[in-house]
Amino acid sequence: MAVFTWLKRRWILIGLLVAVTVFTCGGVLFWRMIDERMSVMSSSCGSFGHGFWWREQEYSILVGWPKEPASRAKPAIVLLLHWPNTILGQEPATRFNYSSSHSGSGVDGASDWKFEITGAVQLQKDREIQFSYSASGDEKQPTEKFEADGKVFDAEDGRVFLVDMTSPVPTVVQLRADLETIVRNPATIADPNPIDTRPVIREALAKLRGQHPEVRAFLEGSRLK
């Protein structure tokens, strides 16, 4: 009877050890699968009509670059976004739109020009943050502005914006930078709409990190490297 009781306890102990091992390994595998799923679902890059972007999980960078008129074909704005962590691949809904129009010769006299990039991030069911960059008027001296969450910023005070949406009240930091020396256009004649924009953006981020401690702090822990 004593031997039977000892064997019974031994098999119970072995069963518990097996269960713990399976649960632990399964848990590690489960979270690894989650991490891989999030990485795949939340990583993207590419170009659109008047700019390009790169996103890694909850961080994203967007560069607005008008294609016309020729006098305005240069980097107009750099937008860095940080939104709340994703869970099981469920992330805030985002949308971006852009539009542009140009009329007039732009050679001797003034010409009308309008360019706009708009975006929105759905943080909660009833909470959405909207932002936009616009330029209009004479292409030689356009009126520019950036708006985020109802606040208007003068583009002359800086063209780099750090938008942090991880706190209940989103914050926007505006920085000055000479974008023409920091960002180069990934588009070429052979490839006017490149898909992999990461090399160009990496170069720009390295320069911005070197010039602004705010950018280094903002991107701490991100995969935008």
C-alpha atoms as a PDB file:
ATOM      1  CA  MET A   1       0.000   0.000   0.000  1.00  0.00           C
ATOM      2  CA  ALA A   2       2.850   2.376   0.858  1.00  0.00           C
ATOM      3  CA  VAL A   3       4.528   1.568  -2.462  1.00  0.00           C
ATOM      4  CA  PHE A   4       1.289   2.236  -4.363  1.00  0.00           C
ATOM      5  CA  THR A   5       0.833   5.574  -2.586  1.00  0.00           C
ATOM      6  CA  TRP A   6       4.442   6.552  -3.392  1.00  0.00           C
ATOM      7  CA  LEU A   7       3.988   5.654  -7.073  1.00  0.00           C
ATOM      8  CA  LYS A   8       0.719   7.552  -7.218  1.00  0.00           C
ATOM      9  CA  ARG A   9       2.354  10.667  -5.773  1.00  0.00           C
ATOM     10  CA  ARG A  10       5.299  10.255  -8.137  1.00  0.00           C
ATOM     11  CA  TRP A  11       3.037  10.136 -11.202  1.00  0.00           C
ATOM     12  CA  ILE A  12       1.082  13.139  -9.954  1.00  0.00           C
ATOM     13  CA  LEU A  13       4.333  15.076  -9.549  1.00  0.00           C
ATOM     14  CA  ILE A  14       5.486  14.059 -13.028  1.00  0.00           C
ATOM     15  CA  GLY A  15       2.130  15.105 -14.442  1.00  0.00           C
ATOM     16  CA  LEU A  16       2.383  18.511 -12.797  1.00  0.00           C
ATOM     17  CA  LEU A  17       5.925  19.005 -14.142  1.00  0.00           C
ATOM     18  CA  VAL A  18       4.795  18.098 -17.652  1.00  0.00           C
ATOM     19  CA  ALA A  19       1.820  20.454 -17.411  1.00  0.00           C
ATOM     20  CA  VAL A  20       4.010  23.341 -16.223  1.00  0.00           C
ATOM     21  CA  THR A  21       6.535  22.670 -18.989  1.00  0.00           C
ATOM     22  CA  VAL A  22       3.851  22.585 -21.695  1.00  0.00           C
ATOM     23  CA  PHE A  23       2.150  25.697 -20.342  1.00  0.00           C
ATOM     24  CA  THR A  24       5.441  27.618 -20.119  1.00  0.00           C
ATOM     25  CA  CYS A  25       6.676  26.627 -23.570  1.00  0.00           C
ATOM     26  CA  GLY A  26       3.239  27.127 -25.028  1.00  0.00           C
ATOM     27  CA  GLY A  27       3.031  30.574 -23.440  1.00  0.00           C
ATOM     28  CA  VAL A  28       6.406  31.575 -24.834  1.00  0.00           C
ATOM     29  CA  LEU A  29       5.408  30.285 -28.266  1.00  0.00           C
ATOM     30  CA  PHE A  30       2.037  32.061 -28.015  1.00  0.00           C
ATOM     31  CA  TRP A  31       3.588  35.459 -27.228  1.00  0.00           C
ATOM     32  CA  ARG A  32       6.246  34.919 -29.873  1.00  0.00           C
ATOM     33  CA  MET A  33       3.464  34.307 -32.402  1.00  0.00           C
ATOM     34  CA  ILE A  34       1.720  37.477 -31.209  1.00  0.00           C
ATOM     35  CA  ASP A  35       4.908  39.490 -31.564  1.00  0.00           C
ATOM     36  CA  GLU A  36       5.538  38.111 -35.051  1.00  0.00           C
ATOM     37  CA  ARG A  37       1.942  38.761 -36.069  1.00  0.00           C
ATOM     38  CA  MET A  38       2.123  42.324 -34.802  1.00  0.00           C
ATOM     39  CA  SER A  39       5.430  42.874 -36.579  1.00  0.00           C
ATOM     40  CA  VAL A  40       4.029  41.652 -39.878  1.00  0.00           C
ATOM     41  CA  MET A  41       0.728  43.490 -39.578  1.00  0.00           C
ATOM     42  CA  SER A  42       2.221  46.756 -38.325  1.00  0.00           C
ATOM     43  CA  SER A  43       5.239  47.095 -40.603  1.00  0.00           C
ATOM     44  CA  SER A  44       4.854  48.888 -43.914  1.00  0.00           C
ATOM     45  CA  CYS A  45       6.491  51.431 -46.158  1.00  0.00           C
ATOM     46  CA  GLY A  46       5.867  52.957 -49.532  1.00  0.00           C
ATOM     47  CA  SER A  47       5.065  56.103 -51.446  1.00  0.00           C
ATOM     48  CA  PHE A  48       1.918  57.928 -52.482  1.00  0.00           C
ATOM     49  CA  GLY A  49       1.186  60.777 -54.863  1.00  0.00           C
ATOM     50  CA  HIS A  50       3.027  63.470 -52.928  1.00  0.00           C
ATOM     51  CA  GLY A  51       5.155  61.799 -50.308  1.00  0.00           C
ATOM     52  CA  PHE A  52       6.298  58.573 -48.696  1.00  0.00           C
ATOM     53  CA  TRP A  53       6.180  56.798 -45.345  1.00  0.00           C
ATOM     54  CA  TRP A  54       7.608  54.059 -43.147  1.00  0.00           C
ATOM     55  CA  ARG A  55       5.815  52.429 -40.234  1.00  0.00           C
ATOM     56  CA  GLU A  56       7.007  50.007 -37.580  1.00  0.00           C
ATOM     57  CA  GLN A  57       4.348  48.931 -35.071  1.00  0.00           C
ATOM     58  CA  GLU A  58       3.204  51.993 -33.104  1.00  0.00           C
ATOM     59  CA  TYR A  59       5.662  54.415 -34.731  1.00  0.00           C
ATOM     60  CA  SER A  60       5.369  55.992 -38.141  1.00  0.00           C
ATOM     61  CA  ILE A  61       7.085  58.679 -40.192  1.00  0.00           C
ATOM     62  CA  LEU A  62       5.502  60.465 -43.139  1.00  0.00           C
ATOM     63  CA  VAL A  63       7.263  62.875 -45.496  1.00  0.00           C
ATOM     64  CA  GLY A  64       5.162  65.282 -47.540  1.00  0.00           C
ATOM     65  CA  TRP A  65       6.837  66.037 -50.875  1.00  0.00           C
ATOM     66  CA  PRO A  66       4.792  67.893 -53.550  1.00  0.00           C
ATOM     67  CA  LYS A  67       5.529  66.793 -57.121  1.00  0.00           C
ATOM     68  CA  GLU A  68       4.371  70.011 -58.709  1.00  0.00           C
ATOM     69  CA  PRO A  69       4.914  72.782 -59.470  1.00  0.00           C
ATOM     70  CA  ALA A  70       8.652  72.340 -60.009  1.00  0.00           C
ATOM     71  CA  SER A  71       9.498  75.250 -57.716  1.00  0.00           C
ATOM     72  CA  ARG A  72       7.790  73.472 -54.789  1.00  0.00           C
ATOM     73  CA  ALA A  73       9.076  69.948 -55.513  1.00  0.00           C
ATOM     74  CA  LYS A  74      10.946  69.540 -52.251  1.00  0.00           C
ATOM     75  CA  PRO A  75      10.287  68.163 -48.752  1.00  0.00           C
ATOM     76  CA  ALA A  76       7.542  70.225 -47.155  1.00  0.00           C
ATOM     77  CA  ILE A  77       6.935  68.429 -43.877  1.00  0.00           C
ATOM     78  CA  VAL A  78       8.136  65.493 -41.763  1.00  0.00           C
ATOM     79  CA  LEU A  79       5.564  63.970 -39.451  1.00  0.00           C
ATOM     80  CA  LEU A  80       6.538  61.499 -36.714  1.00  0.00           C
ATOM     81  CA  LEU A  81       3.659  59.661 -35.037  1.00  0.00           C
ATOM     82  CA  HIS A  82       3.524  57.541 -31.903  1.00  0.00           C
ATOM     83  CA  TRP A  83       0.226  55.939 -30.975  1.00  0.00           C
ATOM     84  CA  PRO A  84      -0.766  53.511 -28.198  1.00  0.00           C
ATOM     85  CA  ASN A  85       0.543  49.944 -28.192  1.00  0.00           C
ATOM     86  CA  THR A  86      -1.285  47.382 -30.279  1.00  0.00           C
ATOM     87  CA  ILE A  87      -2.716  44.194 -28.745  1.00  0.00           C
ATOM     88  CA  LEU A  88      -3.070  41.005 -30.773  1.00  0.00           C
ATOM     89  CA  GLY A  89      -2.712  43.016 -33.945  1.00  0.00           C
ATOM     90  CA  GLN A  90      -5.649  45.276 -33.124  1.00  0.00           C
ATOM     91  CA  GLU A  91      -4.501  48.821 -33.778  1.00  0.00           C
ATOM     92  CA  PRO A  92      -6.037  52.281 -34.058  1.00  0.00           C
ATOM     93  CA  ALA A  93      -7.606  52.850 -37.452  1.00  0.00           C
ATOM     94  CA  THR A  94      -5.619  55.312 -39.529  1.00  0.00           C
ATOM     95  CA  ARG A  95      -6.310  57.055 -42.801  1.00  0.00           C
ATOM     96  CA  PHE A  96      -4.388  59.459 -44.993  1.00  0.00           C
ATOM     97  CA  ASN A  97      -5.549  61.522 -47.931  1.00  0.00           C
ATOM     98  CA  TYR A  98      -3.775  63.965 -50.167  1.00  0.00           C
ATOM     99  CA  SER A  99      -4.765  66.381 -52.893  1.00  0.00           C
ATOM    100  CA  SER A 100      -3.047  68.969 -55.023  1.00  0.00           C
ATOM    101  CA  SER A 101      -3.912  71.424 -57.750  1.00  0.00           C
ATOM    102  CA  HIS A 102      -1.850  73.844 -59.766  1.00  0.00           C
ATOM    103  CA  SER A 103      -2.849  76.475 -62.311  1.00  0.00           C
ATOM    104  CA  GLY A 104      -0.929  79.198 -64.119  1.00  0.00           C
ATOM    105  CA  SER A 105       2.444  79.280 -65.831  1.00  0.00           C
ATOM    106  CA  GLY A 106       4.493  80.031 -62.739  1.00  0.00           C
ATOM    107  CA  VAL A 107       7.152  81.612 -64.949  1.00  0.00           C
ATOM    108  CA  ASP A 108       6.623  85.351 -65.100  1.00  0.00           C
ATOM    109  CA  GLY A 109       3.622  85.974 -62.944  1.00  0.00           C
ATOM    110  CA  ALA A 110       1.929  84.497 -59.925  1.00  0.00           C
ATOM    111  CA  SER A 111       0.245  81.144 -60.242  1.00  0.00           C
ATOM    112  CA  ASP A 112      -2.366  79.556 -58.042  1.00  0.00           C
ATOM    113  CA  TRP A 113      -1.309  76.448 -56.191  1.00  0.00           C
ATOM    114  CA  LYS A 114      -2.870  74.274 -53.534  1.00  0.00           C
ATOM    115  CA  PHE A 115      -1.477  71.252 -51.780  1.00  0.00           C
ATOM    116  CA  GLU A 116      -2.905  69.345 -48.824  1.00  0.00           C
ATOM    117  CA  ILE A 117      -2.225  66.199 -46.837  1.00  0.00           C
ATOM    118  CA  THR A 118      -4.781  65.137 -44.251  1.00  0.00           C
ATOM    119  CA  GLY A 119      -4.777  62.246 -41.820  1.00  0.00           C
ATOM    120  CA  ALA A 120      -6.621  60.877 -38.831  1.00  0.00           C
ATOM    121  CA  VAL A 121      -6.018  58.265 -36.149  1.00  0.00           C
ATOM    122  CA  GLN A 122      -8.927  56.679 -34.305  1.00  0.00           C
ATOM    123  CA  LEU A 123      -7.640  56.407 -30.744  1.00  0.00           C
ATOM    124  CA  GLN A 124     -10.888  55.313 -29.129  1.00  0.00           C
ATOM    125  CA  LYS A 125     -14.480  54.772 -30.205  1.00  0.00           C
ATOM    126  CA  ASP A 126     -15.286  58.415 -29.626  1.00  0.00           C
ATOM    127  CA  ARG A 127     -11.798  59.943 -29.827  1.00  0.00           C
ATOM    128  CA  GLU A 128     -10.052  60.758 -33.089  1.00  0.00           C
ATOM    129  CA  ILE A 129      -7.061  62.970 -33.681  1.00  0.00           C
ATOM    130  CA  GLN A 130      -6.906  64.727 -37.022  1.00  0.00           C
ATOM    131  CA  PHE A 131      -3.976  66.509 -38.597  1.00  0.00           C
ATOM    132  CA  SER A 132      -3.276  68.245 -41.886  1.00  0.00           C
ATOM    133  CA  TYR A 133      -0.657  70.189 -43.781  1.00  0.00           C
ATOM    134  CA  SER A 134      -1.697  72.663 -46.436  1.00  0.00           C
ATOM    135  CA  ALA A 135      -0.075  75.177 -48.741  1.00  0.00           C
ATOM    136  CA  SER A 136      -1.952  77.496 -51.060  1.00  0.00           C
ATOM    137  CA  GLY A 137      -1.762  80.753 -52.936  1.00  0.00           C
ATOM    138  CA  ASP A 138       1.193  81.989 -54.951  1.00  0.00           C
ATOM    139  CA  GLU A 139       3.582  79.089 -55.492  1.00  0.00           C
ATOM    140  CA  LYS A 140       6.576  81.383 -54.912  1.00  0.00           C
ATOM    141  CA  GLN A 141       5.327  82.508 -51.498  1.00  0.00           C
ATOM    142  CA  PRO A 142       2.521  80.166 -50.442  1.00  0.00           C
ATOM    143  CA  THR A 143       0.602  80.311 -47.215  1.00  0.00           C
ATOM    144  CA  GLU A 144       1.423  77.191 -45.218  1.00  0.00           C
ATOM    145  CA  LYS A 145       0.073  75.716 -42.015  1.00  0.00           C
ATOM    146  CA  PHE A 146       0.022  72.516 -40.043  1.00  0.00           C
ATOM    147  CA  GLU A 147      -2.925  71.565 -37.844  1.00  0.00           C
ATOM    148  CA  ALA A 148      -3.070  68.774 -35.268  1.00  0.00           C
ATOM    149  CA  ASP A 149      -5.951  67.990 -32.946  1.00  0.00           C
ATOM    150  CA  GLY A 150      -7.464  71.444 -33.495  1.00  0.00           C
ATOM    151  CA  LYS A 151      -4.231  73.380 -32.940  1.00  0.00           C
ATOM    152  CA  VAL A 152      -2.685  75.394 -35.767  1.00  0.00           C
ATOM    153  CA  PHE A 153       1.085  75.669 -36.229  1.00  0.00           C
ATOM    154  CA  ASP A 154       2.936  78.058 -38.500  1.00  0.00           C
ATOM    155  CA  ALA A 155       5.179  76.124 -40.870  1.00  0.00           C
ATOM    156  CA  GLU A 156       7.746  78.908 -40.652  1.00  0.00           C
ATOM    157  CA  ASP A 157       8.374  77.857 -37.040  1.00  0.00           C
ATOM    158  CA  GLY A 158       9.422  74.380 -38.093  1.00  0.00           C
ATOM    159  CA  ARG A 159       8.590  71.580 -40.509  1.00  0.00           C
ATOM    160  CA  VAL A 160       9.258  68.591 -38.271  1.00  0.00           C
ATOM    161  CA  PHE A 161       6.402  67.547 -35.995  1.00  0.00           C
ATOM    162  CA  LEU A 162       6.438  64.910 -33.246  1.00  0.00           C
ATOM    163  CA  VAL A 163       2.878  63.817 -32.485  1.00  0.00           C
ATOM    164  CA  ASP A 164       2.565  61.672 -29.354  1.00  0.00           C
ATOM    165  CA  MET A 165      -0.849  60.051 -28.897  1.00  0.00           C
ATOM    166  CA  THR A 166       0.036  57.686 -26.059  1.00  0.00           C
ATOM    167  CA  SER A 167      -1.275  59.988 -23.319  1.00  0.00           C
ATOM    168  CA  PRO A 168      -4.903  61.048 -22.759  1.00  0.00           C
ATOM    169  CA  VAL A 169      -4.073  64.458 -24.231  1.00  0.00           C
ATOM    170  CA  PRO A 170      -1.982  64.165 -27.437  1.00  0.00           C
ATOM    171  CA  THR A 171       1.092  66.395 -27.597  1.00  0.00           C
ATOM    172  CA  VAL A 172       2.759  68.023 -30.596  1.00  0.00           C
ATOM    173  CA  VAL A 173       6.385  69.194 -30.634  1.00  0.00           C
ATOM    174  CA  GLN A 174       7.474  71.413 -33.517  1.00  0.00           C
ATOM    175  CA  LEU A 175      11.133  71.512 -34.550  1.00  0.00           C
ATOM    176  CA  ARG A 176      13.136  73.522 -37.055  1.00  0.00           C
ATOM    177  CA  ALA A 177      15.206  71.641 -39.610  1.00  0.00           C
ATOM    178  CA  ASP A 178      16.567  72.219 -43.083  1.00  0.00           C
ATOM    179  CA  LEU A 179      14.683  69.392 -44.758  1.00  0.00           C
ATOM    180  CA  GLU A 180      16.381  69.821 -48.124  1.00  0.00           C
ATOM    181  CA  THR A 181      19.689  68.790 -46.533  1.00  0.00           C
ATOM    182  CA  ILE A 182      18.128  66.017 -44.452  1.00  0.00           C
ATOM    183  CA  VAL A 183      15.681  64.200 -46.722  1.00  0.00           C
ATOM    184  CA  ARG A 184      16.265  63.030 -50.261  1.00  0.00           C
ATOM    185  CA  ASN A 185      13.576  61.844 -52.624  1.00  0.00           C
ATOM    186  CA  PRO A 186      13.502  58.045 -53.068  1.00  0.00           C
ATOM    187  CA  ALA A 187      11.710  58.403 -56.405  1.00  0.00           C
ATOM    188  CA  THR A 188      13.706  58.098 -59.607  1.00  0.00           C
ATOM    189  CA  ILE A 189      12.862  58.252 -63.301  1.00  0.00           C
ATOM    190  CA  ALA A 190      13.088  54.471 -63.454  1.00  0.00           C
ATOM    191  CA  ASP A 191      11.027  54.034 -60.267  1.00  0.00           C
ATOM    192  CA  PRO A 192       8.740  57.051 -59.693  1.00  0.00           C
ATOM    193  CA  ASN A 193       6.742  55.284 -56.955  1.00  0.00           C
ATOM    194  CA  PRO A 194       9.245  53.250 -54.921  1.00  0.00           C
ATOM    195  CA  ILE A 195       7.951  50.657 -52.503  1.00  0.00           C
ATOM    196  CA  ASP A 196      10.954  50.346 -50.193  1.00  0.00           C
ATOM    197  CA  THR A 197      11.463  53.848 -48.806  1.00  0.00           C
ATOM    198  CA  ARG A 198      13.312  52.692 -45.701  1.00  0.00           C
ATOM    199  CA  PRO A 199      16.904  53.432 -46.814  1.00  0.00           C
ATOM    200  CA  VAL A 200      16.082  57.081 -47.537  1.00  0.00           C
ATOM    201  CA  ILE A 201      14.120  57.480 -44.309  1.00  0.00           C
ATOM    202  CA  ARG A 202      16.883  55.824 -42.268  1.00  0.00           C
ATOM    203  CA  GLU A 203      19.321  58.441 -43.525  1.00  0.00           C
ATOM    204  CA  ALA A 204      16.923  61.246 -42.637  1.00  0.00           C
ATOM    205  CA  LEU A 205      16.211  59.855 -39.164  1.00  0.00           C
ATOM    206  CA  ALA A 206      19.930  59.493 -38.447  1.00  0.00           C
ATOM    207  CA  LYS A 207      20.428  63.178 -39.252  1.00  0.00           C
ATOM    208  CA  LEU A 208      17.382  64.252 -37.232  1.00  0.00           C
ATOM    209  CA  ARG A 209      18.519  62.180 -34.248  1.00  0.00           C
ATOM    210  CA  GLY A 210      21.920  63.817 -34.464  1.00  0.00           C
ATOM    211  CA  GLN A 211      20.480  67.340 -34.567  1.00  0.00           C
ATOM    212  CA  HIS A 212      17.593  67.050 -32.116  1.00  0.00           C
ATOM    213  CA  PRO A 213      17.608  65.269 -28.744  1.00  0.00           C
ATOM    214  CA  GLU A 214      13.800  65.540 -28.863  1.00  0.00           C
ATOM    215  CA  VAL A 215      13.749  63.178 -31.832  1.00  0.00           C
ATOM    216  CA  ARG A 216      16.073  60.722 -30.082  1.00  0.00           C
ATOM    217  CA  ALA A 217      13.836  60.709 -27.012  1.00  0.00           C
ATOM    218  CA  PHE A 218      10.654  60.445 -29.098  1.00  0.00           C
ATOM    219  CA  LEU A 219      11.907  57.402 -31.022  1.00  0.00           C
ATOM    220  CA  GLU A 220      13.489  55.664 -28.020  1.00  0.00           C
ATOM    221  CA  GLY A 221      12.579  51.995 -28.228  1.00  0.00           C
ATOM    222  CA  SER A 222      11.109  52.231 -31.725  1.00  0.00           C
ATOM    223  CA  ARG A 223      12.073  50.042 -34.679  1.00  0.00           C
ATOM    224  CA  LEU A 224      12.499  53.008 -36.987  1.00  0.00           C
ATOM    225  CA  LYS A 225      16.242  52.521 -37.270  1.00  0.00           C
END
